C-alpha atoms as a PDB file:
ATOM      1  CA  MET A   1       8.090  29.279 -13.332  1.00  0.00           C
ATOM      2  CA  ASN A   2       3.909  29.737 -13.563  1.00  0.00           C
ATOM      3  CA  LEU A   3       1.998  28.120 -10.282  1.00  0.00           C
ATOM      4  CA  ASN A   4       0.614  25.263 -12.839  1.00  0.00           C
ATOM      5  CA  ARG A   5       3.779  23.987 -12.873  1.00  0.00           C
ATOM      6  CA  LEU A   6       4.871  24.633  -9.559  1.00  0.00           C
ATOM      7  CA  SER A   7       1.631  22.502  -8.309  1.00  0.00           C
ATOM      8  CA  THR A   8       2.506  19.845 -10.868  1.00  0.00           C
ATOM      9  CA  SER A   9       6.302  19.456  -9.532  1.00  0.00           C
ATOM     10  CA  ILE A  10       5.403  19.350  -6.268  1.00  0.00           C
ATOM     11  CA  LEU A  11       2.709  16.375  -7.006  1.00  0.00           C
ATOM     12  CA  LEU A  12       5.108  14.774  -8.534  1.00  0.00           C
ATOM     13  CA  ALA A  13       7.607  15.012  -5.451  1.00  0.00           C
ATOM     14  CA  LEU A  14       5.534  14.085  -2.637  1.00  0.00           C
ATOM     15  CA  PRO A  15       5.223  10.629  -2.943  1.00  0.00           C
ATOM     16  CA  PHE A  16       8.725  10.295  -2.950  1.00  0.00           C
ATOM     17  CA  PHE A  17       8.912  12.328  -0.046  1.00  0.00           C
ATOM     18  CA  VAL A  18       7.023  10.607   1.719  1.00  0.00           C
ATOM     19  CA  VAL A  19       8.087   7.302   1.197  1.00  0.00           C
ATOM     20  CA  SER A  20      11.328   7.545   1.552  1.00  0.00           C
ATOM     21  CA  THR A  21      11.443   9.633   4.743  1.00  0.00           C
ATOM     22  CA  VAL A  22       8.825   8.095   6.444  1.00  0.00           C
ATOM     23  CA  PHE A  23       8.042   3.643   4.542  1.00  0.00           C
ATOM     24  CA  SER A  24      11.713   3.524   2.539  1.00  0.00           C
ATOM     25  CA  GLN A  25      13.246   0.157   3.499  1.00  0.00           C
ATOM     26  CA  GLU A  26      10.543  -1.561   5.873  1.00  0.00           C
ATOM     27  CA  VAL A  27      11.429  -4.873   5.218  1.00  0.00           C
ATOM     28  CA  ASN A  28       8.908  -7.321   5.127  1.00  0.00           C
ATOM     29  CA  PHE A  29      10.119 -10.897   7.795  1.00  0.00           C
ATOM     30  CA  GLY A  30       6.652 -12.447   6.722  1.00  0.00           C
ATOM     31  CA  PRO A  31       3.479 -13.145   8.890  1.00  0.00           C
ATOM     32  CA  ARG A  32       5.027 -15.299  11.573  1.00  0.00           C
ATOM     33  CA  ILE A  33       8.375 -13.442  12.265  1.00  0.00           C
ATOM     34  CA  THR A  34       5.456 -10.419  12.411  1.00  0.00           C
ATOM     35  CA  ALA A  35       3.220 -11.642  14.655  1.00  0.00           C
ATOM     36  CA  LEU A  36       6.204 -12.633  17.081  1.00  0.00           C
ATOM     37  CA  GLY A  37       7.208  -8.560  17.736  1.00  0.00           C
ATOM     38  CA  ASN A  38       9.083  -8.573  14.166  1.00  0.00           C
ATOM     39  CA  ILE A  39      12.397  -9.315  15.802  1.00  0.00           C
ATOM     40  CA  ALA A  40      14.291 -12.809  14.158  1.00  0.00           C
ATOM     41  CA  PRO A  41      17.885 -13.574  15.104  1.00  0.00           C
ATOM     42  CA  ALA A  42      17.055 -16.750  17.006  1.00  0.00           C
ATOM     43  CA  LEU A  43      14.227 -17.809  15.130  1.00  0.00           C
ATOM     44  CA  HIS A  44      14.543 -21.045  12.426  1.00  0.00           C
ATOM     45  CA  ASP A  45      11.751 -20.165   9.535  1.00  0.00           C
ATOM     46  CA  VAL A  46      12.857 -19.643   5.288  1.00  0.00           C
ATOM     47  CA  TRP A  47      11.249 -16.301   6.071  1.00  0.00           C
ATOM     48  CA  SER A  48      15.027 -15.660   7.691  1.00  0.00           C
ATOM     49  CA  LEU A  49      16.232 -15.722   4.300  1.00  0.00           C
ATOM     50  CA  GLN A  50      14.587 -11.239   5.290  1.00  0.00           C
ATOM     51  CA  SER A  51      15.614 -10.173   9.453  1.00  0.00           C
ATOM     52  CA  ASN A  52      18.154 -13.610  10.578  1.00  0.00           C
ATOM     53  CA  GLN A  53      19.950 -15.860   7.052  1.00  0.00           C
ATOM     54  CA  ALA A  54      21.525 -18.022  10.073  1.00  0.00           C
ATOM     55  CA  GLY A  55      18.019 -19.423  11.092  1.00  0.00           C
ATOM     56  CA  ILE A  56      17.080 -21.164   7.690  1.00  0.00           C
ATOM     57  CA  ALA A  57      20.836 -23.733   8.405  1.00  0.00           C
ATOM     58  CA  GLN A  58      18.473 -25.811  10.767  1.00  0.00           C
ATOM     59  CA  LEU A  59      15.628 -26.525   7.132  1.00  0.00           C
ATOM     60  CA  GLU A  60      16.083 -30.186   6.138  1.00  0.00           C
ATOM     61  CA  ARG A  61      13.797 -29.543   2.286  1.00  0.00           C
ATOM     62  CA  PRO A  62      13.502 -27.112  -0.111  1.00  0.00           C
ATOM     63  CA  ILE A  63      10.702 -24.933   0.964  1.00  0.00           C
ATOM     64  CA  ALA A  64       9.316 -21.908  -1.190  1.00  0.00           C
ATOM     65  CA  ALA A  65       6.922 -19.181   0.432  1.00  0.00           C
ATOM     66  CA  LEU A  66       5.227 -16.092  -1.455  1.00  0.00           C
ATOM     67  CA  ALA A  67       3.427 -12.954   0.789  1.00  0.00           C
ATOM     68  CA  TYR A  68       2.065 -10.018   0.919  1.00  0.00           C
ATOM     69  CA  GLN A  69       1.242  -7.368   2.442  1.00  0.00           C
ATOM     70  CA  ASN A  70      -1.084  -4.116   2.790  1.00  0.00           C
ATOM     71  CA  ASN A  71       1.235  -1.979   4.306  1.00  0.00           C
ATOM     72  CA  TYR A  72      -1.804   0.585   6.864  1.00  0.00           C
ATOM     73  CA  PHE A  73      -4.923  -0.931   5.483  1.00  0.00           C
ATOM     74  CA  ASN A  74      -6.510   2.368   3.847  1.00  0.00           C
ATOM     75  CA  THR A  75      -3.124   3.706   1.864  1.00  0.00           C
ATOM     76  CA  ASP A  76      -1.859   2.188  -1.922  1.00  0.00           C
ATOM     77  CA  ILE A  77       1.422   1.142  -0.194  1.00  0.00           C
ATOM     78  CA  SER A  78       1.565  -2.512  -0.705  1.00  0.00           C
ATOM     79  CA  THR A  79       4.825  -5.351  -0.149  1.00  0.00           C
ATOM     80  CA  GLN A  80       5.189  -8.292  -2.315  1.00  0.00           C
ATOM     81  CA  SER A  81       7.521 -10.813  -0.579  1.00  0.00           C
ATOM     82  CA  ALA A  82       9.044 -14.381  -1.783  1.00  0.00           C
ATOM     83  CA  VAL A  83      11.400 -16.984  -0.337  1.00  0.00           C
ATOM     84  CA  PHE A  84      12.948 -20.077  -1.527  1.00  0.00           C
ATOM     85  CA  ALA A  85      15.425 -22.255   0.766  1.00  0.00           C
ATOM     86  CA  TYR A  86      16.911 -25.337  -0.796  1.00  0.00           C
ATOM     87  CA  PRO A  87      19.119 -27.269   2.005  1.00  0.00           C
ATOM     88  CA  ILE A  88      22.086 -29.148   0.582  1.00  0.00           C
ATOM     89  CA  LYS A  89      24.280 -31.746   3.270  1.00  0.00           C
ATOM     90  CA  ASN A  90      24.962 -28.777   6.036  1.00  0.00           C
ATOM     91  CA  ASN A  91      24.340 -26.132   3.756  1.00  0.00           C
ATOM     92  CA  VAL A  92      21.729 -24.045   2.813  1.00  0.00           C
ATOM     93  CA  PHE A  93      21.014 -21.513   0.028  1.00  0.00           C
ATOM     94  CA  GLY A  94      18.704 -18.817  -0.325  1.00  0.00           C
ATOM     95  CA  ILE A  95      16.724 -16.431  -2.759  1.00  0.00           C
ATOM     96  CA  SER A  96      14.869 -13.530  -1.303  1.00  0.00           C
ATOM     97  CA  PHE A  97      13.428 -11.158  -3.282  1.00  0.00           C
ATOM     98  CA  GLN A  98      11.228  -7.765  -1.878  1.00  0.00           C
ATOM     99  CA  ASN A  99       8.832  -5.741  -3.905  1.00  0.00           C
ATOM    100  CA  TYR A 100       7.358  -2.185  -1.623  1.00  0.00           C
ATOM    101  CA  GLY A 101       5.399   0.853  -2.501  1.00  0.00           C
ATOM    102  CA  PHE A 102       3.014   2.216  -5.167  1.00  0.00           C
ATOM    103  CA  SER A 103       1.916   2.725  -8.652  1.00  0.00           C
ATOM    104  CA  GLU A 104       4.989   5.711  -8.383  1.00  0.00           C
ATOM    105  CA  TYR A 105       7.435   3.875  -6.715  1.00  0.00           C
ATOM    106  CA  ASN A 106       8.686   1.016  -6.123  1.00  0.00           C
ATOM    107  CA  ASP A 107      12.016  -0.570  -3.702  1.00  0.00           C
ATOM    108  CA  GLN A 108      12.601  -3.317  -4.567  1.00  0.00           C
ATOM    109  CA  LYS A 109      15.522  -5.611  -3.710  1.00  0.00           C
ATOM    110  CA  VAL A 110      17.093  -9.373  -4.386  1.00  0.00           C
ATOM    111  CA  GLY A 111      18.419 -10.947  -2.011  1.00  0.00           C
ATOM    112  CA  PHE A 112      21.213 -14.293  -1.980  1.00  0.00           C
ATOM    113  CA  ALA A 113      21.929 -16.339   0.714  1.00  0.00           C
ATOM    114  CA  TYR A 114      24.356 -18.409   1.739  1.00  0.00           C
ATOM    115  CA  ALA A 115      24.059 -20.037   6.051  1.00  0.00           C
ATOM    116  CA  LYS A 116      25.901 -23.151   7.018  1.00  0.00           C
ATOM    117  CA  ARG A 117      25.416 -25.171  10.281  1.00  0.00           C
ATOM    118  CA  PHE A 118      28.564 -27.023  12.357  1.00  0.00           C
ATOM    119  CA  GLY A 119      27.226 -30.054  14.216  1.00  0.00           C
ATOM    120  CA  LYS A 120      23.784 -29.113  16.205  1.00  0.00           C
ATOM    121  CA  GLY A 121      24.685 -25.623  17.441  1.00  0.00           C
ATOM    122  CA  LEU A 122      26.453 -23.382  16.086  1.00  0.00           C
ATOM    123  CA  SER A 123      25.097 -21.530  11.906  1.00  0.00           C
ATOM    124  CA  VAL A 124      26.625 -18.678  10.378  1.00  0.00           C
ATOM    125  CA  ALA A 125      25.203 -17.205   6.913  1.00  0.00           C
ATOM    126  CA  LEU A 126      25.823 -14.304   4.663  1.00  0.00           C
ATOM    127  CA  ASN A 127      23.437 -12.310   2.409  1.00  0.00           C
ATOM    128  CA  VAL A 128      24.368 -10.363  -0.932  1.00  0.00           C
ATOM    129  CA  ASN A 129      21.617  -8.041  -1.227  1.00  0.00           C
ATOM    130  CA  ALA A 130      20.983  -5.895  -4.878  1.00  0.00           C
ATOM    131  CA  HIS A 131      18.469  -2.893  -3.936  1.00  0.00           C
ATOM    132  CA  GLN A 132      16.993  -0.647  -6.507  1.00  0.00           C
ATOM    133  CA  VAL A 133      14.161   2.285  -6.242  1.00  0.00           C
ATOM    134  CA  LYS A 134      12.391   3.402  -9.022  1.00  0.00           C
ATOM    135  CA  ILE A 135      10.109   6.892  -9.114  1.00  0.00           C
ATOM    136  CA  ASN A 136       8.227   7.771 -11.580  1.00  0.00           C
ATOM    137  CA  GLN A 137       8.800  10.785 -12.643  1.00  0.00           C
ATOM    138  CA  TYR A 138      12.598  11.072 -11.811  1.00  0.00           C
ATOM    139  CA  GLY A 139      13.897   7.273 -12.834  1.00  0.00           C
ATOM    140  CA  ASN A 140      15.668   4.119 -11.195  1.00  0.00           C
ATOM    141  CA  ALA A 141      18.493   4.589  -8.689  1.00  0.00           C
ATOM    142  CA  PHE A 142      20.713   0.908  -7.862  1.00  0.00           C
ATOM    143  CA  ALA A 143      22.588   0.124  -3.889  1.00  0.00           C
ATOM    144  CA  TYR A 144      24.572  -3.237  -2.573  1.00  0.00           C
ATOM    145  CA  SER A 145      24.787  -4.311   0.865  1.00  0.00           C
ATOM    146  CA  VAL A 146      25.699  -7.670   2.404  1.00  0.00           C
ATOM    147  CA  GLU A 147      24.618  -8.260   5.337  1.00  0.00           C
ATOM    148  CA  ALA A 148      25.429 -11.464   7.722  1.00  0.00           C
ATOM    149  CA  GLY A 149      24.137 -13.681  11.583  1.00  0.00           C
ATOM    150  CA  PHE A 150      25.283 -16.043  13.324  1.00  0.00           C
ATOM    151  CA  GLN A 151      23.123 -18.597  15.721  1.00  0.00           C
ATOM    152  CA  PHE A 152      24.131 -20.726  18.802  1.00  0.00           C
ATOM    153  CA  ARG A 153      22.059 -23.399  19.979  1.00  0.00           C
ATOM    154  CA  VAL A 154      22.876 -23.618  23.605  1.00  0.00           C
ATOM    155  CA  ASN A 155      19.733 -26.286  23.758  1.00  0.00           C
ATOM    156  CA  ASP A 156      17.410 -28.440  23.343  1.00  0.00           C
ATOM    157  CA  ARG A 157      15.153 -25.186  24.273  1.00  0.00           C
ATOM    158  CA  LEU A 158      17.224 -22.269  24.117  1.00  0.00           C
ATOM    159  CA  THR A 159      19.033 -20.488  20.636  1.00  0.00           C
ATOM    160  CA  LEU A 160      21.074 -17.110  21.207  1.00  0.00           C
ATOM    161  CA  GLY A 161      21.344 -15.562  17.675  1.00  0.00           C
ATOM    162  CA  SER A 162      22.527 -11.965  15.929  1.00  0.00           C
ATOM    163  CA  HIS A 163      22.393 -10.287  12.535  1.00  0.00           C
ATOM    164  CA  VAL A 164      23.788  -7.280  11.059  1.00  0.00           C
ATOM    165  CA  ALA A 165      22.787  -5.625   8.092  1.00  0.00           C
ATOM    166  CA  ASN A 166      24.477  -3.098   5.608  1.00  0.00           C
ATOM    167  CA  PRO A 167      27.767  -2.984   8.259  1.00  0.00           C
ATOM    168  CA  ASN A 168      29.466  -1.213   5.331  1.00  0.00           C
ATOM    169  CA  LYS A 169      26.390   1.347   4.994  1.00  0.00           C
ATOM    170  CA  SER A 170      26.287   1.241   1.251  1.00  0.00           C
ATOM    171  CA  GLY A 171      23.636   3.063   0.138  1.00  0.00           C
ATOM    172  CA  TYR A 172      22.225   4.658  -3.460  1.00  0.00           C
ATOM    173  CA  ARG A 173      24.015   7.969  -5.405  1.00  0.00           C
ATOM    174  CA  LYS A 174      22.793  10.936  -3.239  1.00  0.00           C
ATOM    175  CA  GLU A 175      20.282  12.382  -4.852  1.00  0.00           C
ATOM    176  CA  VAL A 176      18.062   9.964  -3.881  1.00  0.00           C
ATOM    177  CA  SER A 177      17.053  10.451  -0.818  1.00  0.00           C
ATOM    178  CA  ALA A 178      16.301   7.004   0.047  1.00  0.00           C
ATOM    179  CA  ALA A 179      19.300   4.973   2.411  1.00  0.00           C
ATOM    180  CA  VAL A 180      19.413   1.144   2.524  1.00  0.00           C
ATOM    181  CA  PRO A 181      19.540   1.150   6.324  1.00  0.00           C
ATOM    182  CA  THR A 182      22.145   0.143   8.613  1.00  0.00           C
ATOM    183  CA  VAL A 183      20.828  -2.525  11.681  1.00  0.00           C
ATOM    184  CA  LEU A 184      21.720  -4.393  14.292  1.00  0.00           C
ATOM    185  CA  GLU A 185      19.706  -7.287  16.216  1.00  0.00           C
ATOM    186  CA  ILE A 186      20.497  -9.845  19.172  1.00  0.00           C
ATOM    187  CA  GLY A 187      18.099 -11.816  20.358  1.00  0.00           C
ATOM    188  CA  ALA A 188      17.176 -15.218  22.110  1.00  0.00           C
ATOM    189  CA  ALA A 189      14.328 -17.928  21.656  1.00  0.00           C
ATOM    190  CA  TYR A 190      12.989 -20.192  24.346  1.00  0.00           C
ATOM    191  CA  TYR A 191      10.106 -23.437  24.931  1.00  0.00           C
ATOM    192  CA  LEU A 192       8.569 -22.826  28.106  1.00  0.00           C
ATOM    193  CA  SER A 193       6.929 -25.964  27.042  1.00  0.00           C
ATOM    194  CA  ASP A 194       7.319 -28.565  24.752  1.00  0.00           C
ATOM    195  CA  LYS A 195       3.778 -26.217  22.379  1.00  0.00           C
ATOM    196  CA  VAL A 196       4.880 -22.549  24.074  1.00  0.00           C
ATOM    197  CA  LEU A 197       8.050 -20.638  22.907  1.00  0.00           C
ATOM    198  CA  PHE A 198       9.048 -16.321  23.830  1.00  0.00           C
ATOM    199  CA  ASN A 199      10.818 -15.027  21.636  1.00  0.00           C
ATOM    200  CA  SER A 200      12.721 -12.040  22.087  1.00  0.00           C
ATOM    201  CA  GLY A 201      15.342  -8.788  20.790  1.00  0.00           C
ATOM    202  CA  LEU A 202      16.829  -5.486  20.735  1.00  0.00           C
ATOM    203  CA  ILE A 203      17.053  -4.043  17.520  1.00  0.00           C
ATOM    204  CA  LYS A 204      19.199  -0.963  17.053  1.00  0.00           C
ATOM    205  CA  ASP A 205      19.040   0.896  12.632  1.00  0.00           C
ATOM    206  CA  LEU A 206      21.137   3.599  13.335  1.00  0.00           C
ATOM    207  CA  ASP A 207      18.776   5.921  12.035  1.00  0.00           C
ATOM    208  CA  LEU A 208      16.691   4.955  15.116  1.00  0.00           C
ATOM    209  CA  GLN A 209      16.519   4.398  18.029  1.00  0.00           C
ATOM    210  CA  THR A 210      17.028   0.826  20.198  1.00  0.00           C
ATOM    211  CA  ASP A 211      13.870  -0.925  19.991  1.00  0.00           C
ATOM    212  CA  ALA A 212      12.769  -4.258  22.262  1.00  0.00           C
ATOM    213  CA  ARG A 213      10.407  -7.107  20.779  1.00  0.00           C
ATOM    214  CA  LEU A 214       9.199 -10.204  21.828  1.00  0.00           C
ATOM    215  CA  GLY A 215       6.686 -12.508  21.105  1.00  0.00           C
ATOM    216  CA  MET A 216       4.846 -15.504  22.036  1.00  0.00           C
ATOM    217  CA  GLU A 217       3.652 -18.960  19.987  1.00  0.00           C
ATOM    218  CA  TYR A 218       1.444 -21.281  21.011  1.00  0.00           C
ATOM    219  CA  TYR A 219       0.853 -24.999  19.597  1.00  0.00           C
ATOM    220  CA  ILE A 220      -3.168 -25.148  20.232  1.00  0.00           C
ATOM    221  CA  VAL A 221      -2.673 -28.913  18.450  1.00  0.00           C
ATOM    222  CA  GLU A 222       0.108 -29.937  15.628  1.00  0.00           C
ATOM    223  CA  TRP A 223      -1.646 -27.961  13.144  1.00  0.00           C
ATOM    224  CA  PHE A 224      -2.914 -24.978  14.515  1.00  0.00           C
ATOM    225  CA  THR A 225      -0.874 -21.800  16.571  1.00  0.00           C
ATOM    226  CA  LEU A 226      -1.808 -18.924  17.289  1.00  0.00           C
ATOM    227  CA  ARG A 227       0.836 -15.832  18.104  1.00  0.00           C
ATOM    228  CA  GLY A 228       1.297 -12.777  19.819  1.00  0.00           C
ATOM    229  CA  GLY A 229       3.837  -9.853  19.742  1.00  0.00           C
ATOM    230  CA  MET A 230       4.610  -5.988  20.946  1.00  0.00           C
ATOM    231  CA  SER A 231       7.637  -3.598  20.749  1.00  0.00           C
ATOM    232  CA  ALA A 232       8.055  -0.853  22.424  1.00  0.00           C
ATOM    233  CA  ASN A 233       9.740   1.940  20.137  1.00  0.00           C
ATOM    234  CA  PRO A 234       7.351   3.446  18.790  1.00  0.00           C
ATOM    235  CA  PHE A 235       4.789   0.870  21.027  1.00  0.00           C
ATOM    236  CA  ARG A 236       3.427  -1.948  18.131  1.00  0.00           C
ATOM    237  CA  GLN A 237       0.767  -5.231  18.304  1.00  0.00           C
ATOM    238  CA  SER A 238       0.595  -7.629  16.186  1.00  0.00           C
ATOM    239  CA  LEU A 239      -1.479 -11.009  16.010  1.00  0.00           C
ATOM    240  CA  GLY A 240      -0.628 -13.566  13.928  1.00  0.00           C
ATOM    241  CA  PHE A 241      -1.914 -17.590  13.614  1.00  0.00           C
ATOM    242  CA  GLY A 242      -0.426 -20.713  11.813  1.00  0.00           C
ATOM    243  CA  CYS A 243      -2.325 -23.208  10.222  1.00  0.00           C
ATOM    244  CA  ARG A 244      -0.557 -26.334   8.603  1.00  0.00           C
ATOM    245  CA  TYR A 245      -1.919 -29.137   6.632  1.00  0.00           C
ATOM    246  CA  GLN A 246       1.486 -32.239   5.303  1.00  0.00           C
ATOM    247  CA  ARG A 247       3.281 -29.242   3.542  1.00  0.00           C
ATOM    248  CA  LEU A 248       1.672 -26.356   3.619  1.00  0.00           C
ATOM    249  CA  GLN A 249       1.591 -23.630   5.363  1.00  0.00           C
ATOM    250  CA  VAL A 250      -0.520 -20.591   5.666  1.00  0.00           C
ATOM    251  CA  ASP A 251       0.493 -17.854   7.823  1.00  0.00           C
ATOM    252  CA  VAL A 252      -1.880 -14.553   8.494  1.00  0.00           C
ATOM    253  CA  ALA A 253      -0.517 -11.187  11.092  1.00  0.00           C
ATOM    254  CA  ALA A 254      -1.398  -7.636  11.525  1.00  0.00           C
ATOM    255  CA  THR A 255       0.557  -5.233  13.077  1.00  0.00           C
ATOM    256  CA  SER A 256       0.090  -1.943  14.437  1.00  0.00           C
ATOM    257  CA  HIS A 257       1.332   1.704  14.691  1.00  0.00           C
ATOM    258  CA  PRO A 258       0.269   4.656  16.826  1.00  0.00           C
ATOM    259  CA  VAL A 259       0.228   7.080  14.009  1.00  0.00           C
ATOM    260  CA  LEU A 260       0.113   4.996  10.506  1.00  0.00           C
ATOM    261  CA  GLY A 261      -2.773   2.106  12.184  1.00  0.00           C
ATOM    262  CA  TYR A 262      -2.598  -1.603  10.418  1.00  0.00           C
ATOM    263  CA  SER A 263      -0.868  -3.231   8.180  1.00  0.00           C
ATOM    264  CA  PRO A 264      -2.673  -7.459   7.770  1.00  0.00           C
ATOM    265  CA  GLN A 265      -0.614  -9.434   5.486  1.00  0.00           C
ATOM    266  CA  MET A 266      -0.702 -13.299   4.833  1.00  0.00           C
ATOM    267  CA  SER A 267       1.586 -16.330   3.418  1.00  0.00           C
ATOM    268  CA  LEU A 268       1.518 -19.165   1.965  1.00  0.00           C
ATOM    269  CA  GLY A 269       4.353 -21.848   2.010  1.00  0.00           C
ATOM    270  CA  TYR A 270       4.789 -25.508   0.887  1.00  0.00           C
ATOM    271  CA  GLU A 271       7.507 -27.601   1.485  1.00  0.00           C
ATOM    272  CA  PHE A 272       8.788 -29.940  -1.600  1.00  0.00           C
END
């Protein structure tokens, strides 16, 4: 093989190896959850469709939301996400979509969720995902995974939750060096007052060390909320805010990474 051809092959392969080993399968939980420490086993939100789907069981109206994230600020890597939840009595159906990557690499996921509320205390959910990786010059690969979660409302202030993603360790074919992670989360959300929410949890990716995460949300006025959070491993900080006007919700957040930099994001949601 001549030198020019070898150089071309290496350049074509670089996006594949860099993204699949460093960035692959990074799920966008939405700006609110991101700002609250990027952990959501016990939160109620339409963006729970991207974290613990049991969190949509408390929704009372159909909600749709779109989000855009610029991953690591000065890179071409971005994430586009969309979620939609539709409640029918004690049942809620949801669909989620995410596209992550750049021109040479795309990681897409579509999820279909069903959540059910039992009384005022217990909520459970099941989610099925279809994954696709597209790599220029290498083609496509497909995979499927499942998720399950529950939440238990102890009282008006405290909610506990747990969620597992891909417990059967489903993945792509061996020729593709991208993974569908197996992740376990547990957490709690506690209202310190009518205006202050404390969110916390532990998350364990089987390929990574356990991470502790926490966040706080402060309702300054009925229509404006400030949020902040952090994670321990690696140490990351997050900030954000939310604005609500009638049925329209706008959320903004930014999270830091000690090596890769900042990732700003924004979402627009509407309650029907």
